[in-house]
Amino acid sequence: MKELLRVLLPLLVWLASFSAIYGLHGLGCASGWTEVALPVMSLFRWVLFLAWSATIFFQLLLLLALRTQRFDTTSSFIRRLSITNSWTALIATFWTLYPIAVSSTCG
């Protein structure tokens, strides 16, 4: 069971963050966060950018943790698969959430 969690966790984190950031986008549009001016950009942009940045940071931590002895496994296949999935989730986090965090606006 531990090996299954090790393999799936990075992609599950990506899935949860994808849903959460798109949910934040809807909440921000409905709540008028685009109207709240803060230094450099609006509250809407800050929240989305910080959520995206935190997700990337968390994915990096997960990648590093999966490479340590503490979370190691006896199977080299599981180790390679989990690290590959972690890289995939990190790239997916950057690629799929960049447009919503940086260039998205309320219609």
N, C-alpha and C. Protein backbone atom coordinates (compact mmCIF):
# COMPACT_ATOMS: atom_id res chain seq x y z
N MET A 1 0.82 -1.19 0.00
CA MET A 1 0.00 0.00 0.00
C MET A 1 0.87 1.26 0.00
N LYS A 2 1.97 1.18 0.73
CA LYS A 2 2.88 2.31 0.80
C LYS A 2 3.47 2.62 -0.58
N GLU A 3 3.79 1.59 -1.33
CA GLU A 3 4.34 1.78 -2.67
C GLU A 3 3.33 2.43 -3.60
N LEU A 4 2.07 2.02 -3.49
CA LEU A 4 1.01 2.61 -4.32
C LEU A 4 0.86 4.10 -4.02
N LEU A 5 0.88 4.47 -2.76
CA LEU A 5 0.81 5.87 -2.37
C LEU A 5 2.02 6.64 -2.89
N ARG A 6 3.18 6.03 -2.79
CA ARG A 6 4.41 6.66 -3.26
C ARG A 6 4.35 6.96 -4.76
N VAL A 7 3.77 6.04 -5.53
CA VAL A 7 3.67 6.21 -6.98
C VAL A 7 2.61 7.24 -7.34
N LEU A 8 1.47 7.22 -6.64
CA LEU A 8 0.33 8.07 -7.02
C LEU A 8 0.32 9.46 -6.39
N LEU A 9 1.01 9.65 -5.28
CA LEU A 9 0.92 10.91 -4.55
C LEU A 9 1.25 12.15 -5.38
N PRO A 10 2.32 12.18 -6.15
CA PRO A 10 2.60 13.41 -6.92
C PRO A 10 1.47 13.79 -7.88
N LEU A 11 0.90 12.80 -8.55
CA LEU A 11 -0.19 13.11 -9.48
C LEU A 11 -1.48 13.47 -8.75
N LEU A 12 -1.69 12.89 -7.58
CA LEU A 12 -2.87 13.26 -6.79
C LEU A 12 -2.74 14.70 -6.27
N VAL A 13 -1.53 15.10 -5.91
CA VAL A 13 -1.30 16.48 -5.48
C VAL A 13 -1.56 17.43 -6.65
N TRP A 14 -1.09 17.06 -7.84
CA TRP A 14 -1.35 17.89 -9.02
C TRP A 14 -2.85 18.00 -9.26
N LEU A 15 -3.57 16.89 -9.19
CA LEU A 15 -5.02 16.90 -9.42
C LEU A 15 -5.73 17.79 -8.41
N ALA A 16 -5.39 17.67 -7.16
CA ALA A 16 -6.02 18.48 -6.12
C ALA A 16 -5.70 19.96 -6.29
N SER A 17 -4.46 20.27 -6.62
CA SER A 17 -4.08 21.68 -6.80
C SER A 17 -4.73 22.27 -8.05
N PHE A 18 -4.85 21.48 -9.10
CA PHE A 18 -5.52 21.93 -10.32
C PHE A 18 -6.96 22.33 -10.00
N SER A 19 -7.65 21.46 -9.30
CA SER A 19 -9.04 21.74 -8.92
C SER A 19 -9.13 22.94 -7.98
N ALA A 20 -8.23 23.02 -7.03
CA ALA A 20 -8.26 24.11 -6.05
C ALA A 20 -7.99 25.46 -6.71
N ILE A 21 -7.03 25.54 -7.60
CA ILE A 21 -6.70 26.82 -8.22
C ILE A 21 -7.80 27.27 -9.18
N TYR A 22 -8.38 26.34 -9.91
CA TYR A 22 -9.53 26.72 -10.74
C TYR A 22 -10.72 27.10 -9.88
N GLY A 23 -10.88 26.47 -8.74
CA GLY A 23 -11.92 26.88 -7.79
C GLY A 23 -11.66 28.27 -7.24
N LEU A 24 -10.40 28.57 -6.92
CA LEU A 24 -10.04 29.91 -6.47
C LEU A 24 -10.33 30.95 -7.54
N HIS A 25 -10.10 30.59 -8.79
CA HIS A 25 -10.39 31.50 -9.90
C HIS A 25 -11.88 31.85 -9.91
N GLY A 26 -12.72 30.86 -9.82
CA GLY A 26 -14.16 31.11 -9.79
C GLY A 26 -14.59 31.91 -8.58
N LEU A 27 -14.02 31.58 -7.43
CA LEU A 27 -14.34 32.30 -6.20
C LEU A 27 -13.91 33.76 -6.30
N GLY A 28 -12.71 33.98 -6.83
CA GLY A 28 -12.20 35.34 -6.99
C GLY A 28 -13.04 36.17 -7.94
N CYS A 29 -13.46 35.56 -9.04
CA CYS A 29 -14.32 36.28 -9.99
C CYS A 29 -15.67 36.62 -9.36
N ALA A 30 -16.25 35.66 -8.66
CA ALA A 30 -17.57 35.87 -8.05
C ALA A 30 -17.51 36.86 -6.89
N SER A 31 -16.38 36.93 -6.22
CA SER A 31 -16.26 37.80 -5.03
C SER A 31 -15.72 39.18 -5.35
N GLY A 32 -15.35 39.43 -6.58
CA GLY A 32 -14.86 40.75 -6.96
C GLY A 32 -13.43 41.04 -6.55
N TRP A 33 -12.60 40.02 -6.46
CA TRP A 33 -11.20 40.22 -6.07
C TRP A 33 -10.43 41.02 -7.10
N THR A 34 -10.92 41.06 -8.33
CA THR A 34 -10.23 41.84 -9.37
C THR A 34 -10.30 43.33 -9.10
N GLU A 35 -11.27 43.74 -8.30
CA GLU A 35 -11.45 45.16 -7.98
C GLU A 35 -10.57 45.62 -6.82
N VAL A 36 -10.01 44.70 -6.06
CA VAL A 36 -9.19 45.03 -4.89
C VAL A 36 -7.75 45.23 -5.35
N ALA A 37 -7.31 46.47 -5.31
CA ALA A 37 -5.96 46.80 -5.77
C ALA A 37 -4.94 46.61 -4.64
N LEU A 38 -3.89 45.89 -4.95
CA LEU A 38 -2.75 45.71 -4.06
C LEU A 38 -1.51 46.14 -4.82
N PRO A 39 -0.38 46.29 -4.13
CA PRO A 39 0.84 46.66 -4.86
C PRO A 39 1.14 45.67 -5.99
N VAL A 40 1.46 46.17 -7.13
CA VAL A 40 1.86 45.45 -8.34
C VAL A 40 0.67 44.86 -9.10
N MET A 41 -0.25 44.19 -8.42
CA MET A 41 -1.39 43.58 -9.10
C MET A 41 -2.57 43.45 -8.15
N SER A 42 -3.69 43.00 -8.66
CA SER A 42 -4.90 42.90 -7.85
C SER A 42 -4.84 41.70 -6.89
N LEU A 43 -5.75 41.71 -5.93
CA LEU A 43 -5.86 40.59 -4.99
C LEU A 43 -6.08 39.28 -5.74
N PHE A 44 -6.90 39.34 -6.77
CA PHE A 44 -7.18 38.18 -7.61
C PHE A 44 -5.90 37.55 -8.15
N ARG A 45 -5.06 38.37 -8.74
CA ARG A 45 -3.79 37.88 -9.31
C ARG A 45 -2.85 37.36 -8.22
N TRP A 46 -2.77 38.09 -7.09
CA TRP A 46 -1.89 37.66 -6.00
C TRP A 46 -2.29 36.28 -5.49
N VAL A 47 -3.59 36.08 -5.26
CA VAL A 47 -4.05 34.80 -4.72
C VAL A 47 -3.73 33.66 -5.69
N LEU A 48 -4.02 33.86 -6.97
CA LEU A 48 -3.76 32.81 -7.95
C LEU A 48 -2.25 32.56 -8.10
N PHE A 49 -1.47 33.62 -8.15
CA PHE A 49 -0.03 33.46 -8.30
C PHE A 49 0.59 32.78 -7.08
N LEU A 50 0.16 33.16 -5.89
CA LEU A 50 0.70 32.53 -4.67
C LEU A 50 0.27 31.07 -4.55
N ALA A 51 -0.95 30.76 -4.94
CA ALA A 51 -1.40 29.36 -4.90
C ALA A 51 -0.60 28.52 -5.89
N TRP A 52 -0.37 29.06 -7.08
CA TRP A 52 0.42 28.36 -8.10
C TRP A 52 1.85 28.17 -7.61
N SER A 53 2.45 29.20 -7.05
CA SER A 53 3.82 29.12 -6.53
C SER A 53 3.93 28.12 -5.39
N ALA A 54 2.95 28.12 -4.49
CA ALA A 54 2.97 27.17 -3.38
C ALA A 54 2.85 25.74 -3.87
N THR A 55 2.06 25.53 -4.89
CA THR A 55 1.91 24.19 -5.46
C THR A 55 3.22 23.72 -6.10
N ILE A 56 3.88 24.59 -6.83
CA ILE A 56 5.17 24.23 -7.43
C ILE A 56 6.19 23.92 -6.33
N PHE A 57 6.21 24.74 -5.28
CA PHE A 57 7.11 24.50 -4.17
C PHE A 57 6.83 23.15 -3.51
N PHE A 58 5.55 22.85 -3.29
CA PHE A 58 5.18 21.59 -2.66
C PHE A 58 5.57 20.40 -3.55
N GLN A 59 5.38 20.54 -4.86
CA GLN A 59 5.78 19.47 -5.77
C GLN A 59 7.30 19.26 -5.75
N LEU A 60 8.06 20.35 -5.65
CA LEU A 60 9.51 20.22 -5.54
C LEU A 60 9.92 19.52 -4.25
N LEU A 61 9.26 19.87 -3.15
CA LEU A 61 9.54 19.19 -1.88
C LEU A 61 9.21 17.71 -1.96
N LEU A 62 8.10 17.39 -2.61
CA LEU A 62 7.72 16.00 -2.77
C LEU A 62 8.75 15.24 -3.61
N LEU A 63 9.21 15.86 -4.67
CA LEU A 63 10.25 15.25 -5.50
C LEU A 63 11.51 14.98 -4.69
N LEU A 64 11.93 15.96 -3.91
CA LEU A 64 13.12 15.78 -3.07
C LEU A 64 12.90 14.71 -2.01
N ALA A 65 11.71 14.69 -1.41
CA ALA A 65 11.42 13.70 -0.37
C ALA A 65 11.45 12.28 -0.93
N LEU A 66 10.93 12.10 -2.13
CA LEU A 66 10.91 10.76 -2.73
C LEU A 66 12.31 10.26 -3.08
N ARG A 67 13.26 11.15 -3.13
CA ARG A 67 14.63 10.77 -3.45
C ARG A 67 15.46 10.46 -2.19
N THR A 68 14.90 10.70 -1.01
CA THR A 68 15.64 10.48 0.23
C THR A 68 15.54 9.03 0.70
N GLN A 69 16.42 8.67 1.61
CA GLN A 69 16.43 7.33 2.19
C GLN A 69 15.19 7.08 3.04
N ARG A 70 14.69 8.12 3.67
CA ARG A 70 13.55 7.95 4.58
C ARG A 70 12.32 7.42 3.86
N PHE A 71 12.11 7.85 2.64
CA PHE A 71 10.95 7.43 1.88
C PHE A 71 11.31 6.44 0.78
N ASP A 72 12.45 5.80 0.94
CA ASP A 72 12.92 4.87 -0.09
C ASP A 72 12.14 3.56 -0.03
N THR A 73 12.22 2.83 -1.10
CA THR A 73 11.57 1.53 -1.21
C THR A 73 12.60 0.49 -1.64
N THR A 74 12.28 -0.77 -1.44
CA THR A 74 13.22 -1.83 -1.82
C THR A 74 13.19 -2.10 -3.31
N SER A 75 12.13 -1.72 -3.97
CA SER A 75 12.01 -1.96 -5.41
C SER A 75 12.56 -0.78 -6.21
N SER A 76 13.52 -1.05 -7.04
CA SER A 76 14.09 0.02 -7.87
C SER A 76 13.08 0.48 -8.91
N PHE A 77 12.21 -0.42 -9.37
CA PHE A 77 11.17 -0.03 -10.33
C PHE A 77 10.22 0.98 -9.71
N ILE A 78 9.76 0.71 -8.50
CA ILE A 78 8.84 1.63 -7.81
C ILE A 78 9.53 2.97 -7.56
N ARG A 79 10.79 2.93 -7.19
CA ARG A 79 11.54 4.17 -6.96
C ARG A 79 11.61 5.01 -8.24
N ARG A 80 11.99 4.40 -9.35
CA ARG A 80 12.08 5.13 -10.63
C ARG A 80 10.71 5.62 -11.09
N LEU A 81 9.69 4.79 -10.92
CA LEU A 81 8.34 5.17 -11.32
C LEU A 81 7.83 6.35 -10.50
N SER A 82 8.04 6.33 -9.21
CA SER A 82 7.55 7.42 -8.36
C SER A 82 8.30 8.72 -8.65
N ILE A 83 9.59 8.65 -8.90
CA ILE A 83 10.35 9.86 -9.23
C ILE A 83 9.95 10.37 -10.61
N THR A 84 9.72 9.48 -11.55
CA THR A 84 9.24 9.90 -12.88
C THR A 84 7.86 10.55 -12.77
N ASN A 85 6.98 9.97 -11.98
CA ASN A 85 5.66 10.57 -11.77
C ASN A 85 5.77 11.92 -11.08
N SER A 86 6.73 12.05 -10.18
CA SER A 86 6.92 13.32 -9.50
C SER A 86 7.39 14.40 -10.47
N TRP A 87 8.31 14.06 -11.36
CA TRP A 87 8.74 15.02 -12.39
C TRP A 87 7.57 15.37 -13.31
N THR A 88 6.79 14.37 -13.68
CA THR A 88 5.63 14.60 -14.54
C THR A 88 4.63 15.53 -13.86
N ALA A 89 4.37 15.32 -12.59
CA ALA A 89 3.44 16.17 -11.86
C ALA A 89 3.97 17.59 -11.71
N LEU A 90 5.27 17.73 -11.51
CA LEU A 90 5.86 19.07 -11.41
C LEU A 90 5.72 19.82 -12.73
N ILE A 91 6.01 19.17 -13.82
CA ILE A 91 5.88 19.80 -15.14
C ILE A 91 4.42 20.09 -15.44
N ALA A 92 3.52 19.17 -15.10
CA ALA A 92 2.09 19.39 -15.31
C ALA A 92 1.58 20.56 -14.47
N THR A 93 2.09 20.69 -13.26
CA THR A 93 1.70 21.81 -12.41
C THR A 93 2.10 23.13 -13.04
N PHE A 94 3.32 23.18 -13.52
CA PHE A 94 3.77 24.41 -14.17
C PHE A 94 2.98 24.68 -15.44
N TRP A 95 2.87 23.69 -16.30
CA TRP A 95 2.28 23.86 -17.63
C TRP A 95 0.78 24.14 -17.60
N THR A 96 0.04 23.40 -16.81
CA THR A 96 -1.42 23.54 -16.84
C THR A 96 -1.94 24.68 -15.99
N LEU A 97 -1.19 25.09 -14.99
CA LEU A 97 -1.68 26.16 -14.11
C LEU A 97 -1.09 27.52 -14.42
N TYR A 98 -0.07 27.58 -15.25
CA TYR A 98 0.52 28.86 -15.63
C TYR A 98 -0.51 29.81 -16.25
N PRO A 99 -1.30 29.38 -17.21
CA PRO A 99 -2.25 30.33 -17.82
C PRO A 99 -3.27 30.89 -16.84
N ILE A 100 -3.75 30.07 -15.94
CA ILE A 100 -4.75 30.57 -15.00
C ILE A 100 -4.12 31.47 -13.94
N ALA A 101 -2.89 31.20 -13.56
CA ALA A 101 -2.23 31.98 -12.53
C ALA A 101 -1.69 33.31 -13.05
N VAL A 102 -1.31 33.36 -14.30
CA VAL A 102 -0.61 34.53 -14.81
C VAL A 102 -1.46 35.36 -15.77
N SER A 103 -2.20 34.73 -16.64
CA SER A 103 -2.86 35.52 -17.68
C SER A 103 -4.38 35.48 -17.66
N SER A 104 -4.97 34.75 -16.75
CA SER A 104 -6.41 34.62 -16.73
C SER A 104 -7.11 35.82 -16.12
N THR A 105 -8.25 36.17 -16.67
CA THR A 105 -9.08 37.24 -16.11
C THR A 105 -10.53 36.78 -16.05
N CYS A 106 -11.33 37.53 -15.35
CA CYS A 106 -12.75 37.23 -15.27
C CYS A 106 -13.43 37.78 -16.52
N GLY A 107 -14.32 37.01 -17.08
CA GLY A 107 -15.00 37.41 -18.32
C GLY A 107 -16.15 38.29 -18.04
